[in-house]
Amino acid sequence: MSSDGVSTFEVEFEIKCSAEKFFDIYADHVTMLPQVLPHMFKSITVVKGDGKSVGSVVDWEYVLEPPNFENARQTLEAVDEENMVLTKRFYGGDLGKKFDHYEATLKAFKKEDKNYVKWSLDIKKTHGEIPEPHDYMDFIERFTKEFDSSLATANISAQIDRNQK
């Protein structure tokens, strides 16, 4: 834990689809997640900006522990398309009751001819009684694997094509 009380949790996964595809679809089409993974996301709504540019604000309703939905607001803090890195800060709602600071950074990359995604969570709990964010790390793992599977089977590409018509 740092001197300001922020803890960092990291996890890395090998993915089946290309790192570029994972990053591009997540960065540009996040509002489609409720259609592609409805058991994980109830809604993702852009409330300011376009949802893909720094400063955009998005409301999320997600299932951390089935069957209950949680919610949070998210601001896109940084996007580096060249290095396939993006950072989102989540706050308010159910998540804000647990964390004073919750920032998620995604980095997609290729290493030794394999594709990977690395997630970093920087969190600061609202108080000492809040457990470590293992449930959020489990959610990130489930999401990454199911999102990757959808990308590998072209479910998301077909969904994007339908929505753009």
N, C-alpha and C. Protein backbone atom coordinates (compact mmCIF):
# COMPACT_ATOMS: atom_id res chain seq x y z
N MET A 1 0.85 -1.18 0.00
CA MET A 1 0.00 0.00 0.00
C MET A 1 0.89 1.24 0.00
N SER A 2 0.54 2.22 -0.80
CA SER A 2 1.32 3.45 -0.87
C SER A 2 1.00 4.34 0.32
N SER A 3 1.76 5.40 0.48
CA SER A 3 1.58 6.30 1.60
C SER A 3 0.22 7.01 1.55
N ASP A 4 -0.38 7.12 0.37
CA ASP A 4 -1.69 7.75 0.28
C ASP A 4 -2.83 6.75 0.42
N GLY A 5 -2.50 5.51 0.79
CA GLY A 5 -3.52 4.50 1.03
C GLY A 5 -4.02 3.78 -0.20
N VAL A 6 -3.41 4.02 -1.35
CA VAL A 6 -3.83 3.37 -2.60
C VAL A 6 -3.07 2.05 -2.75
N SER A 7 -3.82 0.98 -2.98
CA SER A 7 -3.24 -0.34 -3.23
C SER A 7 -3.41 -0.68 -4.70
N THR A 8 -2.46 -1.43 -5.24
CA THR A 8 -2.52 -1.84 -6.65
C THR A 8 -2.65 -3.36 -6.72
N PHE A 9 -3.58 -3.81 -7.56
CA PHE A 9 -3.79 -5.23 -7.82
C PHE A 9 -3.65 -5.42 -9.33
N GLU A 10 -2.89 -6.43 -9.73
CA GLU A 10 -2.67 -6.66 -11.16
C GLU A 10 -2.95 -8.11 -11.51
N VAL A 11 -3.42 -8.30 -12.73
CA VAL A 11 -3.65 -9.65 -13.24
C VAL A 11 -3.44 -9.60 -14.76
N GLU A 12 -2.88 -10.69 -15.29
CA GLU A 12 -2.57 -10.77 -16.72
C GLU A 12 -3.13 -12.07 -17.26
N PHE A 13 -3.73 -12.00 -18.46
CA PHE A 13 -4.33 -13.16 -19.10
C PHE A 13 -3.85 -13.29 -20.53
N GLU A 14 -3.59 -14.50 -20.96
CA GLU A 14 -3.39 -14.75 -22.38
C GLU A 14 -4.78 -14.79 -23.02
N ILE A 15 -4.91 -14.18 -24.19
CA ILE A 15 -6.21 -14.15 -24.88
C ILE A 15 -6.09 -14.82 -26.24
N LYS A 16 -7.24 -15.27 -26.76
CA LYS A 16 -7.28 -15.97 -28.05
C LYS A 16 -7.31 -14.99 -29.22
N CYS A 17 -8.07 -13.92 -29.08
CA CYS A 17 -8.16 -12.94 -30.17
C CYS A 17 -6.90 -12.07 -30.15
N SER A 18 -6.76 -11.23 -31.15
CA SER A 18 -5.59 -10.35 -31.18
C SER A 18 -5.70 -9.28 -30.10
N ALA A 19 -4.56 -8.83 -29.62
CA ALA A 19 -4.54 -7.76 -28.62
C ALA A 19 -5.19 -6.51 -29.20
N GLU A 20 -4.95 -6.25 -30.48
CA GLU A 20 -5.53 -5.07 -31.14
C GLU A 20 -7.05 -5.13 -31.14
N LYS A 21 -7.60 -6.29 -31.47
CA LYS A 21 -9.06 -6.43 -31.52
C LYS A 21 -9.66 -6.26 -30.12
N PHE A 22 -9.07 -6.90 -29.12
CA PHE A 22 -9.57 -6.77 -27.75
C PHE A 22 -9.59 -5.30 -27.34
N PHE A 23 -8.47 -4.62 -27.54
CA PHE A 23 -8.38 -3.21 -27.16
C PHE A 23 -9.37 -2.35 -27.94
N ASP A 24 -9.38 -2.49 -29.26
CA ASP A 24 -10.23 -1.64 -30.10
C ASP A 24 -11.72 -1.79 -29.76
N ILE A 25 -12.19 -3.02 -29.63
CA ILE A 25 -13.61 -3.23 -29.35
C ILE A 25 -13.95 -2.73 -27.95
N TYR A 26 -13.11 -3.02 -26.95
CA TYR A 26 -13.36 -2.54 -25.59
C TYR A 26 -13.32 -1.01 -25.54
N ALA A 27 -12.37 -0.41 -26.22
CA ALA A 27 -12.24 1.04 -26.19
C ALA A 27 -13.35 1.75 -26.95
N ASP A 28 -13.79 1.19 -28.07
CA ASP A 28 -14.73 1.89 -28.95
C ASP A 28 -16.18 1.43 -28.84
N HIS A 29 -16.45 0.27 -28.27
CA HIS A 29 -17.82 -0.27 -28.28
C HIS A 29 -18.26 -0.82 -26.93
N VAL A 30 -17.80 -0.21 -25.85
CA VAL A 30 -18.11 -0.72 -24.51
C VAL A 30 -19.61 -0.74 -24.23
N THR A 31 -20.38 0.14 -24.83
CA THR A 31 -21.82 0.18 -24.57
C THR A 31 -22.54 -1.06 -25.11
N MET A 32 -21.86 -1.87 -25.90
CA MET A 32 -22.48 -3.09 -26.43
C MET A 32 -22.38 -4.27 -25.46
N LEU A 33 -21.63 -4.12 -24.39
CA LEU A 33 -21.43 -5.25 -23.48
C LEU A 33 -22.73 -5.84 -22.94
N PRO A 34 -23.75 -5.03 -22.60
CA PRO A 34 -25.00 -5.64 -22.12
C PRO A 34 -25.67 -6.54 -23.16
N GLN A 35 -25.47 -6.27 -24.44
CA GLN A 35 -26.05 -7.12 -25.48
C GLN A 35 -25.24 -8.40 -25.66
N VAL A 36 -23.94 -8.30 -25.48
CA VAL A 36 -23.05 -9.43 -25.71
C VAL A 36 -22.93 -10.31 -24.46
N LEU A 37 -22.89 -9.68 -23.29
CA LEU A 37 -22.74 -10.39 -22.01
C LEU A 37 -23.84 -9.94 -21.04
N PRO A 38 -25.10 -10.23 -21.35
CA PRO A 38 -26.21 -9.72 -20.53
C PRO A 38 -26.24 -10.28 -19.11
N HIS A 39 -25.61 -11.39 -18.87
CA HIS A 39 -25.55 -11.94 -17.51
C HIS A 39 -24.54 -11.20 -16.64
N MET A 40 -23.72 -10.34 -17.26
CA MET A 40 -22.72 -9.58 -16.51
C MET A 40 -23.03 -8.08 -16.45
N PHE A 41 -23.74 -7.57 -17.48
CA PHE A 41 -24.00 -6.14 -17.57
C PHE A 41 -25.48 -5.89 -17.86
N LYS A 42 -26.11 -5.06 -17.02
CA LYS A 42 -27.50 -4.68 -17.25
C LYS A 42 -27.55 -3.50 -18.22
N SER A 43 -26.69 -2.52 -18.00
CA SER A 43 -26.65 -1.37 -18.90
C SER A 43 -25.31 -0.66 -18.79
N ILE A 44 -24.93 -0.04 -19.89
CA ILE A 44 -23.76 0.83 -19.94
C ILE A 44 -24.20 2.01 -20.80
N THR A 45 -24.29 3.19 -20.17
CA THR A 45 -24.88 4.35 -20.83
C THR A 45 -23.92 5.53 -20.81
N VAL A 46 -23.65 6.08 -21.98
CA VAL A 46 -22.81 7.28 -22.08
C VAL A 46 -23.65 8.47 -21.63
N VAL A 47 -23.15 9.23 -20.64
CA VAL A 47 -23.87 10.40 -20.15
C VAL A 47 -23.18 11.72 -20.51
N LYS A 48 -21.90 11.63 -20.93
CA LYS A 48 -21.17 12.82 -21.37
C LYS A 48 -20.11 12.39 -22.35
N GLY A 49 -19.99 13.11 -23.45
CA GLY A 49 -18.99 12.78 -24.46
C GLY A 49 -19.46 11.64 -25.35
N ASP A 50 -18.49 10.96 -25.98
CA ASP A 50 -18.83 9.88 -26.91
C ASP A 50 -18.54 8.50 -26.34
N GLY A 51 -18.06 8.45 -25.09
CA GLY A 51 -17.77 7.17 -24.47
C GLY A 51 -16.39 6.62 -24.80
N LYS A 52 -15.70 7.22 -25.76
CA LYS A 52 -14.39 6.71 -26.17
C LYS A 52 -13.27 7.74 -26.05
N SER A 53 -13.62 8.98 -25.75
CA SER A 53 -12.62 10.05 -25.64
C SER A 53 -12.38 10.40 -24.19
N VAL A 54 -11.16 10.85 -23.90
CA VAL A 54 -10.82 11.27 -22.55
C VAL A 54 -11.85 12.30 -22.08
N GLY A 55 -12.32 12.12 -20.86
CA GLY A 55 -13.33 13.00 -20.28
C GLY A 55 -14.74 12.47 -20.42
N SER A 56 -14.95 11.48 -21.28
CA SER A 56 -16.28 10.89 -21.42
C SER A 56 -16.70 10.27 -20.09
N VAL A 57 -18.01 10.35 -19.82
CA VAL A 57 -18.57 9.81 -18.58
C VAL A 57 -19.60 8.76 -18.95
N VAL A 58 -19.52 7.60 -18.27
CA VAL A 58 -20.38 6.45 -18.58
C VAL A 58 -20.94 5.88 -17.28
N ASP A 59 -22.23 5.57 -17.28
CA ASP A 59 -22.86 4.89 -16.14
C ASP A 59 -22.90 3.39 -16.42
N TRP A 60 -22.51 2.60 -15.43
CA TRP A 60 -22.45 1.14 -15.54
C TRP A 60 -23.40 0.50 -14.55
N GLU A 61 -24.12 -0.54 -14.98
CA GLU A 61 -24.84 -1.46 -14.10
C GLU A 61 -24.32 -2.84 -14.44
N TYR A 62 -23.79 -3.52 -13.45
CA TYR A 62 -23.09 -4.79 -13.67
C TYR A 62 -23.44 -5.76 -12.55
N VAL A 63 -23.19 -7.04 -12.80
CA VAL A 63 -23.45 -8.08 -11.80
C VAL A 63 -22.11 -8.52 -11.23
N LEU A 64 -21.84 -8.07 -10.02
CA LEU A 64 -20.61 -8.50 -9.34
C LEU A 64 -20.84 -9.87 -8.71
N GLU A 65 -21.92 -9.99 -7.98
CA GLU A 65 -22.33 -11.24 -7.33
C GLU A 65 -23.76 -11.53 -7.76
N PRO A 66 -23.98 -12.51 -8.65
CA PRO A 66 -25.34 -12.79 -9.11
C PRO A 66 -26.26 -13.08 -7.92
N PRO A 67 -27.50 -12.68 -7.98
CA PRO A 67 -28.18 -12.02 -9.09
C PRO A 67 -28.24 -10.50 -8.95
N ASN A 68 -27.49 -9.91 -8.02
CA ASN A 68 -27.64 -8.49 -7.71
C ASN A 68 -26.78 -7.60 -8.61
N PHE A 69 -27.42 -6.54 -9.10
CA PHE A 69 -26.72 -5.55 -9.90
C PHE A 69 -26.10 -4.50 -8.98
N GLU A 70 -24.94 -4.00 -9.36
CA GLU A 70 -24.32 -2.85 -8.73
C GLU A 70 -24.21 -1.76 -9.79
N ASN A 71 -23.90 -0.55 -9.34
CA ASN A 71 -23.72 0.52 -10.31
C ASN A 71 -22.55 1.41 -9.91
N ALA A 72 -22.07 2.12 -10.90
CA ALA A 72 -20.97 3.08 -10.72
C ALA A 72 -20.95 4.00 -11.92
N ARG A 73 -20.34 5.13 -11.74
CA ARG A 73 -20.08 6.07 -12.83
C ARG A 73 -18.60 5.96 -13.16
N GLN A 74 -18.27 6.16 -14.42
CA GLN A 74 -16.89 6.03 -14.87
C GLN A 74 -16.51 7.22 -15.74
N THR A 75 -15.30 7.71 -15.53
CA THR A 75 -14.73 8.74 -16.40
C THR A 75 -13.52 8.15 -17.09
N LEU A 76 -13.44 8.35 -18.40
CA LEU A 76 -12.27 7.89 -19.16
C LEU A 76 -11.14 8.88 -18.91
N GLU A 77 -10.10 8.40 -18.23
CA GLU A 77 -8.99 9.24 -17.80
C GLU A 77 -7.90 9.37 -18.85
N ALA A 78 -7.59 8.26 -19.56
CA ALA A 78 -6.48 8.29 -20.51
C ALA A 78 -6.67 7.19 -21.55
N VAL A 79 -6.29 7.50 -22.80
CA VAL A 79 -6.30 6.53 -23.89
C VAL A 79 -5.01 6.69 -24.66
N ASP A 80 -4.30 5.59 -24.82
CA ASP A 80 -3.08 5.56 -25.62
C ASP A 80 -3.28 4.44 -26.65
N GLU A 81 -3.82 4.82 -27.81
CA GLU A 81 -4.15 3.82 -28.83
C GLU A 81 -2.90 3.13 -29.36
N GLU A 82 -1.82 3.86 -29.51
CA GLU A 82 -0.60 3.29 -30.06
C GLU A 82 -0.07 2.15 -29.17
N ASN A 83 -0.10 2.36 -27.86
CA ASN A 83 0.39 1.34 -26.92
C ASN A 83 -0.73 0.48 -26.34
N MET A 84 -1.94 0.69 -26.81
CA MET A 84 -3.13 -0.07 -26.40
C MET A 84 -3.32 -0.09 -24.88
N VAL A 85 -3.36 1.13 -24.32
CA VAL A 85 -3.56 1.30 -22.89
C VAL A 85 -4.69 2.29 -22.68
N LEU A 86 -5.62 1.95 -21.76
CA LEU A 86 -6.63 2.93 -21.38
C LEU A 86 -6.91 2.82 -19.90
N THR A 87 -7.23 3.97 -19.31
CA THR A 87 -7.48 4.05 -17.87
C THR A 87 -8.83 4.67 -17.63
N LYS A 88 -9.62 4.00 -16.78
CA LYS A 88 -10.95 4.48 -16.40
C LYS A 88 -11.01 4.62 -14.89
N ARG A 89 -11.59 5.73 -14.43
CA ARG A 89 -11.80 5.94 -13.00
C ARG A 89 -13.28 5.73 -12.72
N PHE A 90 -13.57 4.85 -11.78
CA PHE A 90 -14.95 4.55 -11.39
C PHE A 90 -15.23 5.18 -10.03
N TYR A 91 -16.46 5.65 -9.83
CA TYR A 91 -16.81 6.33 -8.59
C TYR A 91 -18.33 6.32 -8.44
N GLY A 92 -18.78 6.71 -7.26
CA GLY A 92 -20.22 6.83 -7.01
C GLY A 92 -20.92 5.48 -6.97
N GLY A 93 -22.21 5.53 -6.78
CA GLY A 93 -23.02 4.33 -6.76
C GLY A 93 -22.58 3.34 -5.70
N ASP A 94 -22.83 2.07 -5.94
CA ASP A 94 -22.45 1.02 -5.00
C ASP A 94 -20.94 0.95 -4.81
N LEU A 95 -20.20 1.11 -5.90
CA LEU A 95 -18.74 1.04 -5.83
C LEU A 95 -18.18 2.17 -4.96
N GLY A 96 -18.76 3.35 -5.07
CA GLY A 96 -18.30 4.51 -4.30
C GLY A 96 -18.50 4.35 -2.80
N LYS A 97 -19.40 3.47 -2.40
CA LYS A 97 -19.59 3.21 -0.97
C LYS A 97 -18.42 2.40 -0.40
N LYS A 98 -17.70 1.69 -1.27
CA LYS A 98 -16.59 0.84 -0.84
C LYS A 98 -15.23 1.48 -1.06
N PHE A 99 -15.12 2.31 -2.10
CA PHE A 99 -13.82 2.83 -2.50
C PHE A 99 -13.85 4.34 -2.71
N ASP A 100 -12.87 5.02 -2.10
CA ASP A 100 -12.68 6.45 -2.36
C ASP A 100 -11.99 6.65 -3.69
N HIS A 101 -11.23 5.64 -4.10
CA HIS A 101 -10.51 5.71 -5.38
C HIS A 101 -10.55 4.32 -5.99
N TYR A 102 -10.95 4.26 -7.27
CA TYR A 102 -10.98 2.98 -8.00
C TYR A 102 -10.66 3.30 -9.45
N GLU A 103 -9.46 2.93 -9.86
CA GLU A 103 -9.01 3.22 -11.22
C GLU A 103 -8.57 1.91 -11.86
N ALA A 104 -9.11 1.63 -13.04
CA ALA A 104 -8.78 0.40 -13.76
C ALA A 104 -8.04 0.75 -15.04
N THR A 105 -6.88 0.12 -15.22
CA THR A 105 -6.09 0.33 -16.43
C THR A 105 -5.98 -0.99 -17.19
N LEU A 106 -6.30 -0.94 -18.47
CA LEU A 106 -6.19 -2.08 -19.37
C LEU A 106 -5.00 -1.85 -20.29
N LYS A 107 -4.17 -2.86 -20.42
CA LYS A 107 -3.09 -2.83 -21.41
C LYS A 107 -3.18 -4.12 -22.20
N ALA A 108 -3.35 -4.00 -23.51
CA ALA A 108 -3.36 -5.17 -24.40
C ALA A 108 -2.01 -5.18 -25.12
N PHE A 109 -1.44 -6.36 -25.28
CA PHE A 109 -0.12 -6.43 -25.91
C PHE A 109 0.15 -7.83 -26.45
N LYS A 110 1.18 -7.89 -27.28
CA LYS A 110 1.64 -9.15 -27.86
C LYS A 110 3.02 -9.43 -27.28
N LYS A 111 3.25 -10.70 -26.92
CA LYS A 111 4.55 -11.10 -26.39
C LYS A 111 4.83 -12.51 -26.87
N GLU A 112 5.97 -12.69 -27.52
CA GLU A 112 6.37 -14.01 -28.02
C GLU A 112 5.26 -14.66 -28.85
N ASP A 113 4.70 -13.90 -29.78
CA ASP A 113 3.65 -14.35 -30.70
C ASP A 113 2.36 -14.77 -30.01
N LYS A 114 2.15 -14.33 -28.79
CA LYS A 114 0.89 -14.58 -28.09
C LYS A 114 0.30 -13.23 -27.68
N ASN A 115 -1.02 -13.22 -27.50
CA ASN A 115 -1.73 -11.99 -27.14
C ASN A 115 -2.11 -12.02 -25.67
N TYR A 116 -2.00 -10.85 -25.03
CA TYR A 116 -2.27 -10.74 -23.60
C TYR A 116 -3.06 -9.49 -23.28
N VAL A 117 -3.72 -9.54 -22.13
CA VAL A 117 -4.36 -8.38 -21.54
C VAL A 117 -3.89 -8.31 -20.10
N LYS A 118 -3.49 -7.13 -19.68
CA LYS A 118 -3.11 -6.91 -18.29
C LYS A 118 -4.02 -5.84 -17.71
N TRP A 119 -4.60 -6.15 -16.57
CA TRP A 119 -5.45 -5.21 -15.83
C TRP A 119 -4.71 -4.78 -14.57
N SER A 120 -4.75 -3.51 -14.27
CA SER A 120 -4.23 -2.98 -13.01
C SER A 120 -5.35 -2.20 -12.33
N LEU A 121 -5.61 -2.53 -11.07
CA LEU A 121 -6.58 -1.79 -10.27
C LEU A 121 -5.83 -1.01 -9.21
N ASP A 122 -6.06 0.28 -9.16
CA ASP A 122 -5.55 1.12 -8.08
C ASP A 122 -6.76 1.50 -7.25
N ILE A 123 -6.76 1.08 -5.99
CA ILE A 123 -7.94 1.32 -5.15
C ILE A 123 -7.54 1.90 -3.80
N LYS A 124 -8.46 2.65 -3.26
CA LYS A 124 -8.35 3.12 -1.88
C LYS A 124 -9.71 2.89 -1.25
N LYS A 125 -9.73 2.08 -0.21
CA LYS A 125 -10.99 1.73 0.47
C LYS A 125 -11.53 2.93 1.24
N THR A 126 -12.86 2.95 1.38
CA THR A 126 -13.49 4.02 2.16
C THR A 126 -13.16 3.89 3.64
N HIS A 127 -12.97 2.65 4.11
CA HIS A 127 -12.57 2.41 5.50
C HIS A 127 -11.97 1.01 5.62
N GLY A 128 -11.34 0.73 6.74
CA GLY A 128 -10.60 -0.51 6.93
C GLY A 128 -11.43 -1.77 6.96
N GLU A 129 -12.74 -1.65 7.12
CA GLU A 129 -13.61 -2.83 7.18
C GLU A 129 -13.93 -3.40 5.79
N ILE A 130 -13.63 -2.65 4.75
CA ILE A 130 -13.90 -3.10 3.38
C ILE A 130 -12.88 -4.19 3.03
N PRO A 131 -13.35 -5.34 2.53
CA PRO A 131 -12.41 -6.41 2.18
C PRO A 131 -11.59 -6.06 0.94
N GLU A 132 -10.50 -6.79 0.75
CA GLU A 132 -9.70 -6.61 -0.48
C GLU A 132 -10.62 -6.87 -1.67
N PRO A 133 -10.33 -6.29 -2.83
CA PRO A 133 -11.25 -6.36 -3.97
C PRO A 133 -11.18 -7.67 -4.76
N HIS A 134 -11.13 -8.80 -4.07
CA HIS A 134 -11.05 -10.08 -4.76
C HIS A 134 -12.27 -10.33 -5.65
N ASP A 135 -13.46 -9.88 -5.20
CA ASP A 135 -14.65 -10.06 -6.01
C ASP A 135 -14.56 -9.26 -7.31
N TYR A 136 -13.94 -8.08 -7.27
CA TYR A 136 -13.76 -7.28 -8.48
C TYR A 136 -12.71 -7.92 -9.38
N MET A 137 -11.67 -8.48 -8.80
CA MET A 137 -10.65 -9.16 -9.61
C MET A 137 -11.25 -10.41 -10.26
N ASP A 138 -12.11 -11.13 -9.54
CA ASP A 138 -12.80 -12.29 -10.12
C ASP A 138 -13.70 -11.85 -11.27
N PHE A 139 -14.39 -10.72 -11.09
CA PHE A 139 -15.26 -10.17 -12.14
C PHE A 139 -14.42 -9.84 -13.38
N ILE A 140 -13.28 -9.21 -13.18
CA ILE A 140 -12.39 -8.85 -14.30
C ILE A 140 -11.94 -10.12 -15.03
N GLU A 141 -11.62 -11.16 -14.29
CA GLU A 141 -11.21 -12.42 -14.93
C GLU A 141 -12.35 -13.02 -15.74
N ARG A 142 -13.54 -13.11 -15.15
CA ARG A 142 -14.70 -13.65 -15.89
C ARG A 142 -14.98 -12.81 -17.13
N PHE A 143 -14.98 -11.48 -16.96
CA PHE A 143 -15.24 -10.59 -18.08
C PHE A 143 -14.21 -10.80 -19.20
N THR A 144 -12.93 -10.80 -18.85
CA THR A 144 -11.87 -10.92 -19.85
C THR A 144 -12.03 -12.22 -20.64
N LYS A 145 -12.26 -13.32 -19.95
CA LYS A 145 -12.38 -14.61 -20.63
C LYS A 145 -13.62 -14.67 -21.52
N GLU A 146 -14.75 -14.16 -21.03
CA GLU A 146 -15.98 -14.21 -21.83
C GLU A 146 -15.95 -13.21 -22.98
N PHE A 147 -15.40 -12.04 -22.74
CA PHE A 147 -15.26 -11.04 -23.80
C PHE A 147 -14.33 -11.57 -24.89
N ASP A 148 -13.21 -12.14 -24.50
CA ASP A 148 -12.27 -12.74 -25.44
C ASP A 148 -12.95 -13.84 -26.26
N SER A 149 -13.70 -14.69 -25.59
CA SER A 149 -14.40 -15.76 -26.28
C SER A 149 -15.40 -15.20 -27.30
N SER A 150 -16.12 -14.15 -26.91
CA SER A 150 -17.07 -13.52 -27.84
C SER A 150 -16.35 -12.91 -29.04
N LEU A 151 -15.20 -12.32 -28.79
CA LEU A 151 -14.42 -11.74 -29.89
C LEU A 151 -13.88 -12.84 -30.80
N ALA A 152 -13.43 -13.93 -30.21
CA ALA A 152 -12.85 -15.03 -31.00
C ALA A 152 -13.91 -15.72 -31.86
N THR A 153 -15.17 -15.73 -31.40
CA THR A 153 -16.24 -16.37 -32.16
C THR A 153 -17.02 -15.38 -33.03
N ALA A 154 -16.59 -14.13 -33.03
CA ALA A 154 -17.19 -13.07 -33.87
C ALA A 154 -18.57 -12.64 -33.41
N ASN A 155 -19.01 -13.01 -32.21
CA ASN A 155 -20.31 -12.55 -31.71
C ASN A 155 -20.38 -11.03 -31.65
N ILE A 156 -19.32 -10.40 -31.19
CA ILE A 156 -19.33 -8.95 -31.05
C ILE A 156 -19.28 -8.27 -32.41
N SER A 157 -18.48 -8.78 -33.33
CA SER A 157 -18.41 -8.18 -34.66
C SER A 157 -19.77 -8.18 -35.33
N ALA A 158 -20.51 -9.27 -35.21
CA ALA A 158 -21.85 -9.35 -35.79
C ALA A 158 -22.77 -8.34 -35.11
N GLN A 159 -22.65 -8.20 -33.79
CA GLN A 159 -23.47 -7.25 -33.03
C GLN A 159 -23.17 -5.82 -33.47
N ILE A 160 -21.90 -5.49 -33.65
CA ILE A 160 -21.52 -4.16 -34.10
C ILE A 160 -22.09 -3.88 -35.48
N ASP A 161 -21.97 -4.85 -36.39
CA ASP A 161 -22.51 -4.68 -37.74
C ASP A 161 -24.01 -4.41 -37.69
N ARG A 162 -24.76 -5.15 -36.85
CA ARG A 162 -26.21 -4.93 -36.74
C ARG A 162 -26.52 -3.55 -36.20
N ASN A 163 -25.78 -3.09 -35.22
CA ASN A 163 -26.05 -1.80 -34.61
C ASN A 163 -25.67 -0.63 -35.49
N GLN A 164 -24.76 -0.83 -36.42
CA GLN A 164 -24.34 0.27 -37.29
C GLN A 164 -25.24 0.40 -38.51
N LYS A 165 -26.18 -0.53 -38.69
CA LYS A 165 -27.10 -0.44 -39.83
C LYS A 165 -28.27 0.44 -39.54
